[in-house]
Protein backbone atom coordinates (compact mmCIF):
# COMPACT_ATOMS: atom_id res chain seq x y z
CA LEU A 1 0.06 0.09 -0.19
CA CYS A 2 1.47 3.57 -0.93
CA ALA A 3 0.50 6.89 -1.71
CA HIS A 4 2.28 9.90 -3.01
CA GLY A 5 1.52 13.50 -1.97
CA THR A 6 3.42 16.75 -2.19
CA PHE A 7 4.02 19.66 0.62
CA GLN A 8 2.55 23.14 -1.39
CA ALA A 9 2.11 26.62 0.40
CA VAL A 10 -1.48 27.72 0.69
CA HIS A 11 -1.63 31.76 1.53
CA GLY A 12 1.76 31.66 2.93
CA ALA A 13 1.10 30.12 6.53
CA LEU A 14 -0.42 26.89 5.67
CA HIS A 15 1.33 23.68 4.20
CA ASN A 16 -0.26 20.51 3.33
CA VAL A 17 0.38 17.02 2.91
CA THR A 18 -1.67 15.76 0.28
CA VAL A 19 -1.98 11.86 0.38
CA GLU A 20 -3.98 10.12 -2.80
CA ASP A 21 -5.68 6.75 -1.58
CA GLU A 22 -4.96 3.82 -3.19
CA GLU A 23 -7.42 0.61 -2.97
CA VAL A 24 -7.29 -0.91 0.60
CA ASP A 25 -9.20 -4.44 0.34
CA GLY A 26 -11.56 -3.20 -2.30
CA ARG A 27 -12.03 0.49 -0.65
CA ARG A 28 -11.18 3.47 -2.96
CA SER A 29 -12.14 6.27 -0.42
CA LEU A 30 -10.73 5.76 2.95
CA TYR A 31 -13.17 8.52 4.51
CA PRO A 32 -10.12 9.57 7.39
CA SER A 33 -11.88 10.39 10.69
CA CYS A 34 -8.76 11.02 13.08
CA VAL A 35 -5.27 11.92 13.27
CA ASP A 36 -2.62 11.72 16.01
CA TRP A 37 1.53 11.85 15.69
CA ASP A 38 3.70 8.81 16.18
CA ASP A 39 7.76 10.48 17.13
CA GLY A 40 8.88 7.24 16.07
CA ARG A 41 9.30 3.99 17.81
CA PRO A 42 11.42 0.68 17.34
CA GLY A 43 10.46 -1.62 14.81
CA LEU A 44 8.44 1.10 13.06
CA GLY A 45 11.05 2.50 10.56
CA GLY A 46 12.64 4.91 13.02
CA GLY A 47 11.47 8.59 12.26
CA GLY A 48 8.33 10.26 13.16
CA HIS A 49 4.99 10.03 10.92
CA PHE A 50 0.97 10.79 11.27
CA LEU A 51 -1.45 7.99 12.37
CA VAL A 52 -4.87 8.38 10.95
CA GLY A 53 -7.91 6.32 11.26
CA SER A 54 -10.49 5.68 8.48
CA ALA A 55 -13.98 5.88 8.89
CA ALA A 56 -14.85 3.70 6.16
CA SER A 57 -12.99 0.51 7.44
CA PRO A 58 -11.01 -0.37 10.50
CA PHE A 59 -7.67 0.75 9.33
CA LEU A 60 -4.52 2.53 10.64
CA LEU A 61 -2.44 4.42 7.77
CA SER A 62 0.77 5.43 8.74
CA ILE A 63 1.84 8.86 6.64
CA SER A 64 5.22 10.27 6.06
CA ASP A 65 6.20 13.79 5.71
CA ALA A 66 6.41 13.38 2.05
CA GLY A 67 2.57 11.90 1.81
CA VAL A 68 4.09 8.42 1.61
CA MET A 69 1.07 6.14 3.35
CA GLN A 70 1.74 2.37 4.69
CA LYS A 71 -0.72 0.07 6.26
CA HIS A 72 -0.20 0.14 9.97
CA LEU A 73 -2.15 -2.18 12.25
CA LEU A 74 -4.27 -3.16 9.55
CA ASN A 75 -7.22 -5.48 10.37
CA VAL A 76 -8.30 -4.26 13.44
CA GLU A 77 -10.23 -7.04 14.91
CA SER A 78 -13.44 -6.83 16.79
CA ASP A 79 -15.10 -10.10 16.26
CA HIS A 80 -18.08 -8.11 15.08
CA GLY A 81 -19.21 -9.22 11.76
CA CYS A 82 -20.22 -5.89 10.49
CA SER A 83 -18.61 -2.45 8.93
CA LEU A 84 -16.32 -0.95 11.72
CA SER A 85 -15.43 2.70 11.75
CA ILE A 86 -12.37 4.45 13.47
CA LEU A 87 -13.22 7.64 15.32
CA GLY A 88 -10.46 8.61 17.48
CA ILE A 89 -6.73 7.29 17.96
CA LYS A 90 -4.25 8.18 20.40
CA ILE A 91 -0.41 7.40 21.17
CA ASP A 92 0.68 6.32 24.52
CA PRO A 93 4.43 6.80 24.00
CA ARG A 94 4.73 5.92 28.25
CA GLN A 95 3.45 2.19 27.16
CA ASN A 96 4.44 2.07 23.46
CA ARG A 97 1.08 1.73 22.43
CA VAL A 98 -2.15 2.97 20.14
CA LEU A 99 -5.44 3.28 21.88
CA VAL A 100 -8.34 2.86 19.01
CA VAL A 101 -12.16 3.95 19.49
CA LEU A 102 -13.68 1.77 17.26
CA HIS A 103 -17.80 2.31 16.57
CA SER A 104 -20.19 0.60 14.02
CA PHE A 105 -22.58 2.57 12.24
CA ASP A 106 -24.35 -0.36 10.40
CA GLY A 107 -28.00 -0.04 11.28
CA SER A 108 -28.47 -3.68 10.29
CA CYS A 109 -25.97 -5.07 12.93
CA THR A 110 -26.00 -5.36 17.09
CA PRO A 111 -25.03 -2.00 18.30
CA PHE A 112 -21.06 -2.10 18.68
CA ASP A 113 -18.57 0.40 20.18
CA ALA A 114 -15.18 -0.52 21.64
CA LEU A 115 -11.28 0.83 23.07
CA ALA A 116 -8.75 -1.37 21.55
CA ALA A 117 -5.42 -0.78 22.45
CA TYR A 118 -2.34 -2.01 20.30
CA ASP A 119 1.80 -2.51 20.49
CA LEU A 120 3.50 -0.14 18.69
CA SER A 121 6.10 -2.44 17.93
CA SER A 122 4.93 -5.87 17.78
CA LYS A 123 1.27 -4.78 16.31
CA ARG A 124 -0.06 -7.30 18.99
CA ARG A 125 -3.39 -6.82 20.20
CA ILE A 126 -3.38 -5.80 24.07
CA PHE A 127 -6.89 -5.61 24.61
CA LEU A 128 -10.49 -5.09 23.63
CA ALA A 129 -12.59 -3.13 25.96
CA VAL A 130 -16.28 -3.37 24.77
CA LEU A 131 -18.31 -0.40 25.76
CA HIS A 132 -21.70 -0.73 24.29
CA ASN A 133 -22.87 -2.56 27.13
CA VAL A 134 -21.57 -0.03 29.72
CA SER A 135 -23.81 2.51 30.01
CA ALA A 136 -24.97 5.28 32.31
CA ALA A 137 -28.05 5.35 34.40
CA GLY A 138 -30.91 6.39 32.29
CA SER A 139 -32.93 5.08 28.91
CA TYR A 140 -31.71 6.13 25.80
CA ASP A 141 -33.26 6.14 22.46
CA SER A 142 -30.48 6.06 20.29
CA ARG A 143 -27.13 3.67 20.33
CA PRO A 144 -24.30 4.81 22.23
CA ILE A 145 -21.11 6.63 19.85
CA ALA A 146 -17.42 6.10 20.99
CA HIS A 147 -15.84 8.63 19.49
CA HIS A 148 -12.49 10.55 20.94
CA VAL A 149 -10.32 9.44 23.63
CA CYS A 150 -7.66 10.86 25.98
CA ILE A 151 -4.78 9.09 27.93
CA ASP A 152 -3.99 10.41 31.69
CA HIS A 153 -0.63 10.28 33.41
CA HIS A 154 -1.76 6.77 35.01
CA GLY A 155 -2.52 4.77 31.68
CA ASN A 156 -6.03 5.42 31.51
CA ALA A 157 -7.98 6.15 28.98
CA TYR A 158 -11.17 8.38 28.68
CA VAL A 159 -13.47 7.61 25.83
CA THR A 160 -16.43 10.12 25.11
CA ASN A 161 -20.10 8.78 24.20
CA SER A 162 -21.24 11.53 21.49
CA ALA A 163 -25.13 10.30 21.53
CA HIS A 164 -25.38 9.77 25.56
CA ASN A 165 -23.39 12.63 26.64
CA PHE A 166 -21.02 10.78 29.25
CA VAL A 167 -17.56 9.75 29.66
CA TRP A 168 -16.03 5.86 29.68
CA LYS A 169 -12.87 4.94 31.46
CA VAL A 170 -10.83 2.17 30.39
CA ASP A 171 -7.95 1.46 32.98
CA SER A 172 -4.72 0.30 31.67
CA ASN A 173 -5.71 -3.16 31.85
CA GLY A 174 -8.47 -2.88 29.62
CA MET A 175 -11.46 -2.82 32.07
CA PRO A 176 -14.38 -0.53 31.16
CA SER A 177 -16.69 1.56 33.60
CA VAL A 178 -18.82 4.96 33.22
CA PHE A 179 -16.43 7.72 34.59
CA LEU A 180 -19.02 10.74 34.74
CA SER A 181 -22.56 11.34 33.32
CA SER A 182 -23.60 14.86 34.82
CA PRO A 183 -26.71 16.62 34.18
CA LEU A 184 -24.48 19.65 33.50
CA PHE A 185 -23.74 18.00 29.96
CA LEU A 186 -27.64 18.21 29.25
CA SER A 187 -28.13 21.49 30.68
CA HIS A 188 -27.50 23.63 27.17
CA LEU A 189 -29.91 23.96 24.12
CA PRO A 190 -27.90 23.02 20.75
CA VAL A 191 -26.45 25.63 18.38
CA VAL A 192 -26.28 24.77 15.01
CA ASP A 193 -22.89 25.41 13.34
CA ASN A 194 -24.17 24.96 9.65
CA PRO A 195 -28.14 25.11 8.88
CA ALA A 196 -28.01 23.94 5.89
CA ALA A 197 -26.68 20.26 6.78
CA GLN A 198 -28.62 20.17 9.73
CA GLU A 199 -31.56 20.54 7.48
CA GLU A 200 -30.33 18.49 4.68
CA HIS A 201 -28.97 15.41 6.82
CA PRO A 202 -31.47 15.98 10.10
CA HIS A 203 -30.52 12.34 11.57
CA SER A 204 -26.69 11.95 10.21
CA PRO A 205 -24.49 10.86 12.91
CA ALA A 206 -22.51 14.14 12.04
CA SER A 207 -25.08 16.49 12.28
CA PRO A 208 -24.94 19.64 14.62
CA HIS A 209 -28.00 18.55 16.64
CA HIS A 210 -26.63 14.40 16.95
CA MET A 211 -23.10 14.98 18.46
CA GLY A 212 -22.98 15.75 22.32
CA LEU A 213 -19.53 15.34 23.80
CA ASN A 214 -16.16 15.24 21.20
CA GLY A 215 -13.10 16.16 22.10
CA ILE A 216 -11.32 15.32 24.94
CA VAL A 217 -7.67 15.76 25.94
CA TYR A 218 -5.84 15.40 29.43
CA ALA A 219 -4.72 18.52 30.88
CA PRO A 220 -2.12 18.06 33.83
CA PRO A 221 -1.90 18.26 36.68
CA GLY A 222 -4.91 16.06 36.64
CA TYR A 223 -8.34 17.24 34.41
CA LEU A 224 -9.93 16.60 31.01
CA LEU A 225 -10.81 19.02 29.04
CA LEU A 226 -14.00 18.38 27.15
CA GLY A 227 -15.89 19.68 23.62
CA GLN A 228 -19.16 19.43 23.19
CA SER A 229 -19.98 19.58 19.25
CA ASN A 230 -24.04 20.52 19.46
CA SER A 231 -23.58 23.26 22.45
CA GLY A 232 -20.44 24.45 21.68
CA MET A 233 -19.45 24.13 25.55
CA LEU A 234 -16.29 23.56 27.10
CA PHE A 235 -16.37 20.99 30.35
CA ARG A 236 -13.41 20.73 32.68
CA ILE A 237 -13.54 17.21 34.77
CA ASN A 238 -11.16 16.23 37.71
CA LEU A 239 -9.68 12.53 37.67
CA HIS A 240 -11.58 11.43 40.15
CA GLY A 241 -15.04 12.00 38.35
CA SER A 242 -16.69 13.86 41.01
CA ASP A 243 -16.72 17.34 39.38
CA ALA A 244 -17.65 18.94 36.06
CA LEU A 245 -18.07 22.32 35.32
CA ILE A 246 -18.34 24.47 32.48
CA ILE A 247 -15.28 26.37 31.45
CA GLU A 248 -16.12 30.28 31.21
CA CYS A 249 -14.95 31.58 27.99
CA GLY A 250 -17.23 34.23 27.37
CA GLN A 251 -18.50 32.41 24.10
CA LEU A 252 -19.14 29.50 22.28
CA PHE A 253 -17.44 27.17 20.04
CA PRO A 254 -20.13 25.22 17.87
CA GLY A 255 -19.37 22.26 15.86
CA ILE A 256 -16.37 21.39 18.36
CA ASN A 257 -14.52 18.28 16.54
CA GLY A 258 -11.33 17.27 17.48
CA ILE A 259 -9.41 19.50 20.12
CA ASP A 260 -5.51 19.00 21.54
CA LEU A 261 -3.43 20.48 24.28
CA ARG A 262 0.35 21.85 22.91
CA SER A 263 3.00 21.46 25.25
CA ASP A 264 2.82 24.98 26.41
CA GLY A 265 -0.69 24.60 27.69
CA THR A 266 -2.27 26.25 24.91
CA LEU A 267 -5.63 24.44 23.81
CA VAL A 268 -6.67 24.69 20.50
CA LEU A 269 -10.16 23.44 19.16
CA VAL A 270 -11.49 22.70 15.57
CA SER A 271 -14.76 22.64 13.80
CA ALA A 272 -15.51 22.35 10.47
CA LYS A 273 -15.37 26.25 9.83
CA THR A 274 -13.17 27.44 12.63
CA ILE A 275 -10.00 26.88 14.94
CA TRP A 276 -9.83 28.98 17.85
CA VAL A 277 -6.55 29.03 19.98
CA LEU A 278 -7.30 29.33 24.39
CA LYS A 279 -5.26 29.98 27.20
CA SER A 280 -5.74 29.76 30.86
CA GLN A 281 -4.51 31.04 33.63
CA ASP A 282 -6.37 29.45 36.51
CA SER A 283 -6.54 25.74 35.68
CA TRP A 284 -9.27 25.68 33.28
CA ASN A 285 -11.81 27.67 35.76
CA THR A 286 -11.58 30.12 32.70
CA ALA A 287 -10.26 30.45 29.47
CA HIS A 288 -9.39 33.14 27.29
CA VAL A 289 -9.64 33.37 23.09
CA VAL A 290 -6.09 34.40 21.78
CA ASP A 291 -6.89 33.51 17.97
CA THR A 292 -9.69 32.76 15.92
CA LEU A 293 -8.70 31.56 12.16
CA PRO A 294 -11.44 30.47 9.44
CA ASN A 295 -10.36 26.71 8.53
CA MET A 296 -9.20 27.19 4.72
CA ALA A 297 -9.92 23.58 4.05
CA PRO A 298 -6.93 22.68 0.72
CA SER A 299 -10.25 21.39 -1.40
CA ASP A 300 -13.60 22.55 -1.84
CA GLY A 301 -15.80 20.19 0.14
CA ALA A 302 -13.26 18.89 2.54
CA LEU A 303 -13.79 19.51 6.15
CA ALA A 304 -11.49 20.06 9.24
CA VAL A 305 -12.21 16.62 11.48
CA ASP A 306 -9.42 16.11 13.79
CA ILE A 307 -5.99 18.14 15.01
CA THR A 308 -2.69 17.08 16.42
CA PHE A 309 0.38 18.61 17.46
CA ARG A 310 3.98 17.24 16.00
CA GLU A 311 6.74 16.73 18.79
CA GLY A 312 4.23 18.63 21.29
CA GLN A 313 4.52 21.92 19.28
CA GLN A 314 3.17 22.24 15.71
CA PRO A 315 -0.09 21.61 14.97
CA TYR A 316 -1.29 20.14 12.13
CA ILE A 317 -5.22 20.08 10.64
CA LEU A 318 -6.92 16.81 9.46
CA HIS A 319 -9.12 17.67 6.36
CA SER A 320 -11.46 14.87 4.78
CA TYR A 321 -14.73 14.26 3.47
CA VAL A 322 -16.08 11.83 5.97
CA HIS A 323 -19.19 14.20 6.55
CA GLU A 324 -20.01 12.52 3.16
CA LEU A 325 -20.16 9.22 4.15
CA PHE A 326 -22.03 10.04 7.67
CA ALA A 327 -24.72 11.37 5.23
CA GLY A 328 -24.95 8.25 3.02
CA LYS A 329 -23.51 10.25 0.34
CA GLU A 330 -20.40 8.26 -0.53
CA VAL A 331 -18.55 9.09 -3.41
CA GLU A 332 -15.23 8.25 -4.99
CA ARG A 333 -12.63 10.46 -3.26
CA LYS A 334 -8.90 10.24 -3.91
CA ALA A 335 -7.12 12.53 -1.63
CA PHE A 336 -7.36 13.63 1.82
CA PHE A 337 -5.16 16.51 3.56
CA ILE A 338 -2.71 16.86 6.87
CA GLN A 339 -2.42 20.55 6.82
CA GLU A 340 0.14 22.57 8.93
CA VAL A 341 -1.18 25.56 10.76
CA GLN A 342 0.54 28.79 11.94
CA PHE A 343 -1.36 30.97 14.65
CA PRO A 344 -0.57 34.66 14.37
CA SER A 345 -0.19 34.85 18.23
CA ASP A 346 2.78 32.67 17.73
CA GLN A 347 4.37 35.13 15.27
CA ASP A 348 3.53 37.81 17.95
CA ASP A 349 5.53 35.48 20.46
CA ALA A 350 8.32 35.08 18.16
CA ILE A 351 8.69 38.97 17.29
CA TRP A 352 9.12 39.64 20.97
CA ILE A 353 11.30 37.09 21.38
CA ILE A 354 13.45 38.95 18.74
CA VAL A 355 13.01 42.03 19.87
CA GLY A 356 14.23 40.94 23.55
CA ILE A 357 17.74 39.05 21.94
CA ILE A 358 18.31 42.38 20.07
CA ILE A 359 17.87 44.44 23.57
CA LEU A 360 20.09 41.71 25.06
CA VAL A 361 22.77 42.35 22.25
CA ILE A 362 22.77 46.01 22.71
CA PHE A 363 22.86 45.81 26.43
CA ILE A 364 26.38 43.42 26.23
CA PHE A 365 27.66 45.37 23.76
CA LEU A 366 27.13 48.91 25.80
CA TRP A 367 28.13 47.02 29.07
CA ARG A 368 31.80 45.87 27.40
CA PHE A 369 32.05 49.28 25.60
CA GLN A 370 31.58 50.90 29.08
CA MET A 371 33.84 48.44 31.01
CA ASN A 372 36.78 49.33 28.07
CA TYR A 373 36.23 52.83 29.09
CA PHE A 374 36.75 52.14 32.69
CA PHE A 375 39.55 50.28 31.82
CA LYS A 376 41.52 52.65 29.88
CA GLN A 377 40.60 55.66 32.73
CA TYR A 378 41.71 53.52 35.37
CA THR A 379 45.18 52.65 33.11
CA LYS A 380 45.71 56.25 32.58
CA LYS A 381 45.61 57.06 36.16
CA ARG A 382 47.93 54.27 37.15
CA VAL A 383 50.66 55.64 34.75
């Protein structure tokens, strides 16, 4: 399996890896839905690469900087017998594994949601934690949708249920449980990010009204940050599962999909239309927006679906046509895009760093000049 792609500049600030799909087990279009960056492990070819999950088939794909694509952990086994989608992935470098969120959209089959863990070196499956049988109290009219996943510093995984608005926990041994179900997650009316899409596909899993808790990320020293697509709210949960609060941001973020935390503590939210960059000074009781960018897709019709940070610093956005698959309009798509993004606030920080360096150089020059002057004066007096 291979593909070819190129870096190309867009508007001077965005760079893309364009990946052309090759046929995989009879499927021409892979409809990527999630992405994470792997720094590279023994046995995987050394260098870092992107890992991308497919919503059309249970495939993980390894993608290099040049857009070369290789099968990785192909044939994600589930013993389910029906078509499966990968909706979330997360690299766990401490335990050298990747976590994969599986969901079946096939209404003719029994519900299936699970979290699978795979060893990155041997590609051996470590565990398969079945989630659809683990439910919070209450009755539900729809199937669960296991969506995004994050990992805390103890190796526990947390998975959002986008249909029923609660969070599963899967410990490092693969034992699942309900982590938190809170009335707070149901306390706000949906905000429609794309009324036309909602009107055209009111029952689509990708509909803003259908998708609740979505992106999730672990924030040191001990919090989970969650985005809710249909309300545009951000929530913070402690790791005891005993407390949930709304993060006061002064605005909503409708259609939140992927979220991720940079190594400097900056939180980035991605929707189909917008990228938001947030910072907090009080452990995410409140947050403020430092950047808002329009999501400039590299191709007409492609939507942003997820975000990852390369080496913890540089943001990359995954764009694909997965919404067509969810809406039942599956057509042959020969490319998807991984897009590097530059934030204006980062450029401002860089300018101040340069200014600081210039000031420091001037200060050192003046200090040396002054010391040289004093030395000469001292020498004259001695003479």
